Amino acid sequence: KQWYQRRVRAGFHFYGSHYHEQIIDAIRKECELCDCLQSFFILHSMGGGTGSGLGSKTLSLIAENFPDVFRFVIPVYPSADDDVITSPYNTTLAMNQISEYGNCVIPVENQSLTSICQQLGTAKVDNIKHAATESKEKAFNRMNSFVAKVILDITASARFDGSMNVDINEICMNLVPFPRANYLIPAIAPLYSPKIPQPRHLDAIFSDVFSNSNQLCRVDLRKGTFLSCALLVRGNLQVSDVRRNVDKLSDSTKFIYWNKDGWKTGLCSVPPIKQMYSILSLANNTCIKYTFEDLRSRFHKLFSRKAHLHHYLNVDGMDIDQVKCAQESLNDQINFYNEMDNAKPLHVARPKVL
C-alpha cells in the first residue's frame, strides 16, 4: 500500500480517473460561489505519489474544463535527502504536466524552507527530520506560513486598495514571455519572526529580497539571467520609494538584452499583520535550470538502471514511453534556459550607400 501511494502514476491514472467526476463537481461548486473568477491556485507536493500524481491530474482537469482561466501552480519540490526513494521519478513526471498546463509555476523547495526556519530559530537542528515532535510541528507550521504568504501577497491587490494595484492576471501577462518560461522564483522580505528585529530602513528589504537566504528555492539569482521580475510591495509607501529602489536594483541585475526594463511593480497600501511593509519578488530567472539539472541527475541515477521502474509500469495506462517523454520534457526545459542564458543581440550591418 505504501509503494502504491508513493507512485505518481497511481495518483494520476488510478485515483485521478476513479474520482474524476467528484473532483470536477467540487471545483465547479466552488466556482459558482465566485462573483468574478480570475484564477486557480493549485498547491501540491512533487515528491510523493498523491501530491504529484493527483495534483497534476487536477491541474489537467482544470485546464480542460476552464481553459480561459489562469492557473497558478505552487509545487513543493523535495529535498535531496527526501525519504521517498522514487521522488525523482514522481517529480519529473509531474513536471511534464505542470509545465504544459500551468500558466505560472511558482516553485518552492523543502530544503530552502527548512533553512529559513533554522535561520529564524524555529528548528535548531541540522535536519528537521530529527527534531522533537513539538519542534517539528512548529517548523512545519512556519514552512506552510511562508507558502501561504506568497498567495496572500499575490492576491493582496484584489483584496485591498493601493496606488499601483496589480491584477492577478497581469502577473502571467507581464512575466511569462514564452510558454516554457513560466517558472517564477519566489522570495520574501522581511522574513518575519518575533525573535528577529525588522529592518529599520525601507531600502534594506529591497536588497534582502534578492539575497539567497530569502529565496524559497535554493538558487543564486546572480548566476542567471532575468527574463522579467515582479516586486509586489505592501505597506504605507510612496511610488517614488519603489521607483528609486528599482533604479538601484537595475544597475546590479542582469536582464536579457530584449527586455532590459522587465520590471513589474505593484503597491498595496495595506501591510501584513504585525509588519510595517513587505515585498514579494517573483523572478523569472534562468538560474532555476540548476534545480532542474540536479533533478535530472537524480532521475538518471535511477532510470539508467531501471531501478523501481516496474512499480510504475504495473499501473494501467502507464508505459515506458511516458517516462521517456517526461525525461525529454525536462531536458527541453533545461536547454531552453541555456539558450536564454547565451542569447546575444544580433548586430546587423547597415547597408552602405555607394
Protein backbone atom coordinates (compact mmCIF):
# COMPACT_ATOMS: atom_id res chain seq x y z
CA LYS A 1 0.00 0.00 0.00
CA GLN A 2 2.83 2.38 0.86
CA TRP A 3 4.50 1.83 -2.51
CA TYR A 4 1.20 2.30 -4.30
CA GLN A 5 0.59 5.66 -2.64
CA ARG A 6 4.09 6.86 -3.45
CA ARG A 7 3.80 6.33 -7.21
CA VAL A 8 2.85 9.39 -9.22
CA ARG A 9 1.05 7.36 -11.85
CA ALA A 10 -1.14 5.67 -9.26
CA GLY A 11 -2.37 9.10 -8.21
CA PHE A 12 -2.66 10.29 -11.81
CA HIS A 13 -4.19 7.25 -13.53
CA PHE A 14 -5.98 5.38 -10.75
CA TYR A 15 -7.18 7.99 -8.25
CA GLY A 16 -7.47 10.72 -10.87
CA SER A 17 -9.62 8.60 -13.14
CA HIS A 18 -11.60 7.00 -10.33
CA TYR A 19 -12.54 10.33 -8.72
CA HIS A 20 -12.70 12.35 -11.94
CA GLU A 21 -16.34 13.39 -11.61
CA GLN A 22 -16.12 14.13 -7.88
CA ILE A 23 -13.11 16.39 -8.41
CA ILE A 24 -14.77 18.36 -11.21
CA ASP A 25 -18.05 18.69 -9.28
CA ALA A 26 -16.23 20.01 -6.22
CA ILE A 27 -14.33 22.56 -8.32
CA ARG A 28 -17.47 23.70 -10.16
CA LYS A 29 -19.37 24.21 -6.90
CA GLU A 30 -16.60 26.48 -5.62
CA CYS A 31 -16.50 28.39 -8.92
CA GLU A 32 -20.24 29.01 -8.77
CA LEU A 33 -19.73 30.85 -5.47
CA CYS A 34 -17.35 33.33 -7.13
CA ASP A 35 -18.63 36.69 -8.38
CA CYS A 36 -15.68 37.04 -10.75
CA LEU A 37 -13.45 34.01 -11.21
CA GLN A 38 -9.93 35.21 -12.02
CA SER A 39 -7.58 32.30 -11.46
CA PHE A 40 -6.88 28.97 -9.81
CA PHE A 41 -4.12 28.28 -7.29
CA ILE A 42 -3.02 24.64 -7.19
CA LEU A 43 -0.69 23.69 -4.33
CA HIS A 44 0.78 20.21 -4.20
CA SER A 45 3.94 18.32 -3.37
CA MET A 46 6.15 16.82 -6.05
CA GLY A 47 7.98 14.03 -4.24
CA GLY A 48 5.09 11.80 -3.16
CA GLY A 49 2.65 9.89 -5.33
CA THR A 50 -0.59 11.57 -4.26
CA GLY A 51 0.66 15.15 -4.46
CA SER A 52 2.50 14.78 -7.75
CA GLY A 53 0.07 12.39 -9.43
CA LEU A 54 -3.33 13.56 -8.23
CA GLY A 55 -2.13 17.16 -8.08
CA SER A 56 -1.03 17.20 -11.73
CA LYS A 57 -4.19 15.33 -12.73
CA THR A 58 -6.32 18.00 -11.02
CA LEU A 59 -4.37 20.67 -12.89
CA SER A 60 -5.05 18.99 -16.24
CA LEU A 61 -8.76 18.67 -15.39
CA ILE A 62 -8.94 22.39 -14.58
CA ALA A 63 -7.17 23.24 -17.83
CA GLU A 64 -9.62 21.06 -19.74
CA ASN A 65 -12.79 22.41 -18.11
CA PHE A 66 -11.70 26.03 -17.53
CA PRO A 67 -9.28 26.75 -20.39
CA ASP A 68 -9.71 30.55 -20.25
CA VAL A 69 -8.91 30.92 -16.52
CA PHE A 70 -5.28 31.44 -15.48
CA ARG A 71 -3.72 28.64 -13.45
CA PHE A 72 -1.06 29.33 -10.81
CA VAL A 73 0.79 26.21 -9.68
CA ILE A 74 2.82 26.18 -6.46
CA PRO A 75 4.67 22.83 -6.42
CA VAL A 76 6.78 21.90 -3.39
CA TYR A 77 9.96 20.23 -4.62
CA PRO A 78 11.52 17.54 -2.39
CA SER A 79 14.88 17.83 -0.67
CA ALA A 80 17.88 15.89 -1.91
CA ASP A 81 17.66 13.68 1.20
CA ASP A 82 13.94 13.05 0.77
CA ASP A 83 12.74 9.80 2.35
CA VAL A 84 10.78 8.84 -0.81
CA ILE A 85 13.30 6.92 -2.91
CA THR A 86 11.30 7.35 -6.10
CA SER A 87 10.80 11.12 -5.71
CA PRO A 88 12.97 11.86 -8.83
CA TYR A 89 10.51 9.80 -10.90
CA ASN A 90 7.49 11.46 -9.32
CA THR A 91 8.89 14.96 -9.70
CA THR A 92 9.98 14.52 -13.33
CA LEU A 93 6.66 13.00 -14.39
CA ALA A 94 4.69 15.74 -12.61
CA MET A 95 6.88 18.48 -14.12
CA ASN A 96 5.84 17.34 -17.56
CA GLN A 97 2.24 18.15 -16.64
CA ILE A 98 2.72 21.44 -14.78
CA SER A 99 5.00 22.84 -17.49
CA GLU A 100 2.26 22.20 -20.04
CA TYR A 101 -0.88 23.15 -18.11
CA GLY A 102 0.37 25.76 -15.63
CA ASN A 103 0.30 29.39 -16.78
CA CYS A 104 2.58 30.39 -13.91
CA VAL A 105 4.63 27.94 -11.87
CA ILE A 106 5.96 29.24 -8.55
CA PRO A 107 8.30 26.51 -7.27
CA VAL A 108 9.14 26.07 -3.59
CA GLU A 109 11.80 23.75 -2.19
CA ASN A 110 11.56 21.90 1.11
CA GLN A 111 15.28 22.38 1.74
CA SER A 112 15.02 26.14 1.32
CA LEU A 113 12.04 26.33 3.68
CA THR A 114 13.92 24.27 6.25
CA SER A 115 16.94 26.60 6.02
CA ILE A 116 14.74 29.65 6.55
CA CYS A 117 13.15 28.05 9.61
CA GLN A 118 16.59 27.31 11.04
CA GLN A 119 17.65 30.86 10.26
CA LEU A 120 14.66 32.19 12.21
CA GLY A 121 15.31 29.86 15.12
CA THR A 122 12.21 27.69 14.64
CA ALA A 123 14.21 24.50 14.22
CA LYS A 124 17.61 24.36 15.95
CA VAL A 125 18.70 21.04 14.48
CA ASP A 126 20.75 20.12 11.44
CA ASN A 127 17.99 18.00 9.98
CA ILE A 128 14.33 18.74 10.55
CA LYS A 129 13.51 15.01 10.50
CA HIS A 130 15.45 14.54 13.76
CA ALA A 131 13.77 17.36 15.63
CA ALA A 132 11.47 16.74 18.56
CA THR A 133 7.79 16.36 17.79
CA GLU A 134 6.83 19.78 19.15
CA SER A 135 9.72 21.48 17.35
CA LYS A 136 8.82 19.74 14.08
CA GLU A 137 5.22 20.85 14.35
CA LYS A 138 6.26 24.47 14.84
CA ALA A 139 8.71 24.21 11.95
CA PHE A 140 6.14 22.76 9.57
CA ASN A 141 3.62 25.42 10.54
CA ARG A 142 6.24 28.07 9.84
CA MET A 143 7.11 26.48 6.49
CA ASN A 144 3.46 26.43 5.49
CA SER A 145 3.07 30.06 6.53
CA PHE A 146 5.72 31.16 4.02
CA VAL A 147 3.91 29.40 1.17
CA ALA A 148 0.63 30.94 2.33
CA LYS A 149 2.24 34.38 2.40
CA VAL A 150 3.16 34.05 -1.27
CA ILE A 151 -0.52 33.60 -2.14
CA LEU A 152 -1.61 36.39 0.22
CA ASP A 153 0.80 38.87 -1.38
CA ILE A 154 -0.17 37.88 -4.92
CA THR A 155 -3.85 38.37 -4.14
CA ALA A 156 -3.42 41.46 -1.92
CA SER A 157 -4.23 43.85 -4.77
CA ALA A 158 -7.53 42.07 -5.34
CA ARG A 159 -8.46 42.42 -1.66
CA PHE A 160 -7.10 45.86 -0.67
CA ASP A 161 -6.64 49.31 -2.16
CA GLY A 162 -3.36 50.64 -3.43
CA SER A 163 -1.86 53.29 -5.66
CA MET A 164 -0.31 50.68 -8.01
CA ASN A 165 -2.52 47.64 -7.71
CA VAL A 166 -1.60 44.66 -9.89
CA ASP A 167 -4.33 42.45 -11.27
CA ILE A 168 -3.63 38.75 -10.70
CA ASN A 169 -3.73 38.00 -14.41
CA GLU A 170 -1.22 40.77 -15.12
CA ILE A 171 1.43 38.60 -13.49
CA CYS A 172 1.08 35.98 -16.21
CA MET A 173 0.77 38.54 -18.98
CA ASN A 174 3.87 40.51 -17.96
CA LEU A 175 6.22 37.90 -16.50
CA VAL A 176 5.88 34.95 -18.89
CA PRO A 177 7.35 35.89 -22.30
CA PHE A 178 7.22 32.32 -23.66
CA PRO A 179 5.09 29.31 -22.69
CA ARG A 180 8.17 27.44 -21.45
CA ALA A 181 9.44 30.41 -19.44
CA ASN A 182 6.66 30.11 -16.87
CA TYR A 183 8.72 29.38 -13.74
CA LEU A 184 8.80 32.32 -11.30
CA ILE A 185 11.17 32.08 -8.33
CA PRO A 186 9.55 33.48 -5.15
CA ALA A 187 11.32 35.41 -2.41
CA ILE A 188 10.00 37.23 0.67
CA ALA A 189 11.40 40.13 2.65
CA PRO A 190 11.49 40.66 5.51
CA LEU A 191 11.37 37.15 6.93
CA TYR A 192 9.12 37.88 9.87
CA SER A 193 9.82 36.40 13.29
CA PRO A 194 9.19 37.87 16.77
CA LYS A 195 12.78 36.94 17.71
CA ILE A 196 14.39 38.84 14.83
CA PRO A 197 14.33 42.66 14.62
CA GLN A 198 12.80 44.03 11.45
CA PRO A 199 14.83 46.20 9.05
CA ARG A 200 14.78 49.84 10.06
CA HIS A 201 15.32 51.17 6.57
CA LEU A 202 12.97 50.57 3.68
CA ASP A 203 15.84 50.17 1.23
CA ALA A 204 17.11 47.17 3.20
CA ILE A 205 14.16 44.96 2.30
CA PHE A 206 14.63 45.68 -1.40
CA SER A 207 18.17 44.30 -1.21
CA ASP A 208 17.20 41.46 1.14
CA VAL A 209 14.56 40.11 -1.24
CA PHE A 210 17.33 39.31 -3.76
CA SER A 211 19.64 37.62 -1.23
CA ASN A 212 19.99 33.83 -1.34
CA SER A 213 18.73 33.41 2.22
CA ASN A 214 15.31 34.88 1.31
CA GLN A 215 14.65 32.70 -1.73
CA LEU A 216 12.06 29.93 -1.39
CA CYS A 217 14.15 27.92 -3.85
CA ARG A 218 17.83 27.10 -3.44
CA VAL A 219 19.08 29.34 -6.22
CA ASP A 220 21.53 32.16 -6.76
CA LEU A 221 19.93 34.85 -8.89
CA ARG A 222 23.36 36.27 -9.73
CA LYS A 223 24.23 33.12 -11.70
CA GLY A 224 21.32 33.51 -14.09
CA THR A 225 19.70 35.99 -16.45
CA PHE A 226 16.48 37.77 -15.63
CA LEU A 227 13.76 37.44 -18.24
CA SER A 228 11.40 39.52 -16.07
CA CYS A 229 10.80 40.28 -12.41
CA ALA A 230 7.86 41.44 -10.29
CA LEU A 231 8.09 43.29 -6.99
CA LEU A 232 4.80 43.26 -5.10
CA VAL A 233 5.15 45.73 -2.23
CA ARG A 234 2.78 46.09 0.71
CA GLY A 235 2.75 48.95 3.22
CA ASN A 236 2.44 52.69 3.57
CA LEU A 237 4.98 53.65 0.92
CA GLN A 238 5.19 56.16 -1.88
CA VAL A 239 5.52 55.29 -5.54
CA SER A 240 8.76 57.28 -5.59
CA ASP A 241 10.25 54.94 -2.94
CA VAL A 242 9.56 51.93 -5.13
CA ARG A 243 10.92 53.54 -8.27
CA ARG A 244 14.07 54.74 -6.51
CA ASN A 245 14.91 51.24 -5.30
CA VAL A 246 14.05 49.63 -8.65
CA ASP A 247 16.52 52.01 -10.32
CA LYS A 248 19.20 50.92 -7.84
CA LEU A 249 18.49 47.25 -8.45
CA SER A 250 18.59 47.71 -12.21
CA ASP A 251 22.29 48.57 -12.01
CA SER A 252 23.16 45.24 -10.34
CA THR A 253 20.80 42.83 -12.10
CA LYS A 254 21.39 41.19 -15.47
CA PHE A 255 18.33 41.29 -17.71
CA ILE A 256 18.14 39.65 -21.11
CA TYR A 257 19.00 42.07 -23.92
CA TRP A 258 15.49 42.28 -25.39
CA ASN A 259 13.84 43.10 -22.04
CA LYS A 260 16.16 45.44 -20.18
CA ASP A 261 13.24 47.12 -18.40
CA GLY A 262 11.48 43.91 -17.46
CA TRP A 263 10.26 45.09 -14.05
CA LYS A 264 6.68 44.77 -12.91
CA THR A 265 5.87 46.65 -9.69
CA GLY A 266 2.79 46.67 -7.52
CA LEU A 267 2.00 48.70 -4.42
CA CYS A 268 -0.72 47.75 -1.95
CA SER A 269 -1.33 50.19 0.91
CA VAL A 270 -2.29 47.53 3.50
CA PRO A 271 0.76 45.84 5.12
CA PRO A 272 0.79 42.32 6.55
CA ILE A 273 -0.21 41.89 10.18
CA LYS A 274 2.50 42.99 12.67
CA GLN A 275 4.68 44.38 9.87
CA MET A 276 5.21 47.88 8.51
CA TYR A 277 5.88 46.71 4.97
CA SER A 278 6.91 43.64 2.98
CA ILE A 279 7.95 42.62 -0.53
CA LEU A 280 7.25 39.54 -2.59
CA SER A 281 9.61 39.03 -5.50
CA LEU A 282 8.69 36.79 -8.44
CA ALA A 283 11.81 36.41 -10.55
CA ASN A 284 11.74 34.78 -13.97
CA ASN A 285 15.42 33.87 -13.89
CA THR A 286 17.35 31.23 -15.80
CA CYS A 287 19.15 30.08 -12.62
CA ILE A 288 16.20 27.75 -11.98
CA LYS A 289 17.89 25.46 -14.51
CA TYR A 290 20.38 24.38 -11.82
CA THR A 291 17.50 23.00 -9.76
CA PHE A 292 16.31 21.11 -12.82
CA GLU A 293 19.81 19.84 -13.57
CA ASP A 294 20.06 18.45 -10.04
CA LEU A 295 16.71 16.73 -10.54
CA ARG A 296 17.86 15.32 -13.89
CA SER A 297 20.99 13.90 -12.27
CA ARG A 298 18.98 12.16 -9.55
CA PHE A 299 16.48 10.89 -12.14
CA HIS A 300 19.26 9.50 -14.34
CA LYS A 301 20.77 7.53 -11.44
CA LEU A 302 17.55 5.56 -11.11
CA PHE A 303 16.39 5.43 -14.72
CA SER A 304 19.77 4.34 -16.15
CA ARG A 305 19.44 1.15 -14.08
CA LYS A 306 15.64 0.92 -14.46
CA ALA A 307 15.52 0.87 -10.66
CA HIS A 308 11.99 0.80 -9.16
CA LEU A 309 10.56 1.34 -12.63
CA HIS A 310 8.42 -1.80 -12.52
CA HIS A 311 6.30 -0.24 -9.77
CA TYR A 312 5.22 2.42 -12.27
CA LEU A 313 4.78 0.20 -15.31
CA ASN A 314 2.40 -2.06 -13.38
CA VAL A 315 -0.19 0.75 -13.28
CA ASP A 316 -2.83 0.55 -16.02
CA GLY A 317 -2.32 3.27 -18.62
CA MET A 318 1.41 3.69 -17.86
CA ASP A 319 4.23 2.68 -20.19
CA ILE A 320 7.93 3.36 -20.63
CA ASP A 321 7.29 5.95 -23.36
CA GLN A 322 5.61 8.26 -20.86
CA VAL A 323 8.70 8.16 -18.66
CA LYS A 324 10.93 8.93 -21.64
CA CYS A 325 8.61 11.75 -22.69
CA ALA A 326 8.87 13.30 -19.22
CA GLN A 327 12.66 12.97 -19.39
CA GLU A 328 12.73 14.72 -22.77
CA SER A 329 10.48 17.48 -21.44
CA LEU A 330 12.89 18.08 -18.56
CA ASN A 331 15.83 18.18 -20.96
CA ASP A 332 13.99 20.63 -23.21
CA GLN A 333 13.28 22.87 -20.22
CA ILE A 334 16.96 22.96 -19.27
CA ASN A 335 18.05 23.54 -22.88
CA PHE A 336 15.59 26.42 -23.19
CA TYR A 337 17.07 28.22 -20.18
CA ASN A 338 20.59 27.56 -21.51
CA GLU A 339 19.59 29.26 -24.76
CA MET A 340 18.20 32.23 -22.85
CA ASP A 341 21.45 32.46 -20.86
CA ASN A 342 23.54 32.50 -24.03
CA ALA A 343 21.25 34.78 -26.04
CA LYS A 344 23.01 37.76 -27.59
CA PRO A 345 21.68 40.60 -29.72
CA LEU A 346 22.09 40.32 -33.46
CA HIS A 347 24.26 43.02 -34.98
CA VAL A 348 23.09 43.67 -38.50
CA ALA A 349 25.39 45.83 -40.56
CA ARG A 350 23.80 48.90 -42.06
CA PRO A 351 23.71 49.00 -45.85
CA LYS A 352 26.31 51.28 -47.34
CA VAL A 353 25.41 53.98 -49.79
CA LEU A 354 27.52 53.73 -52.92
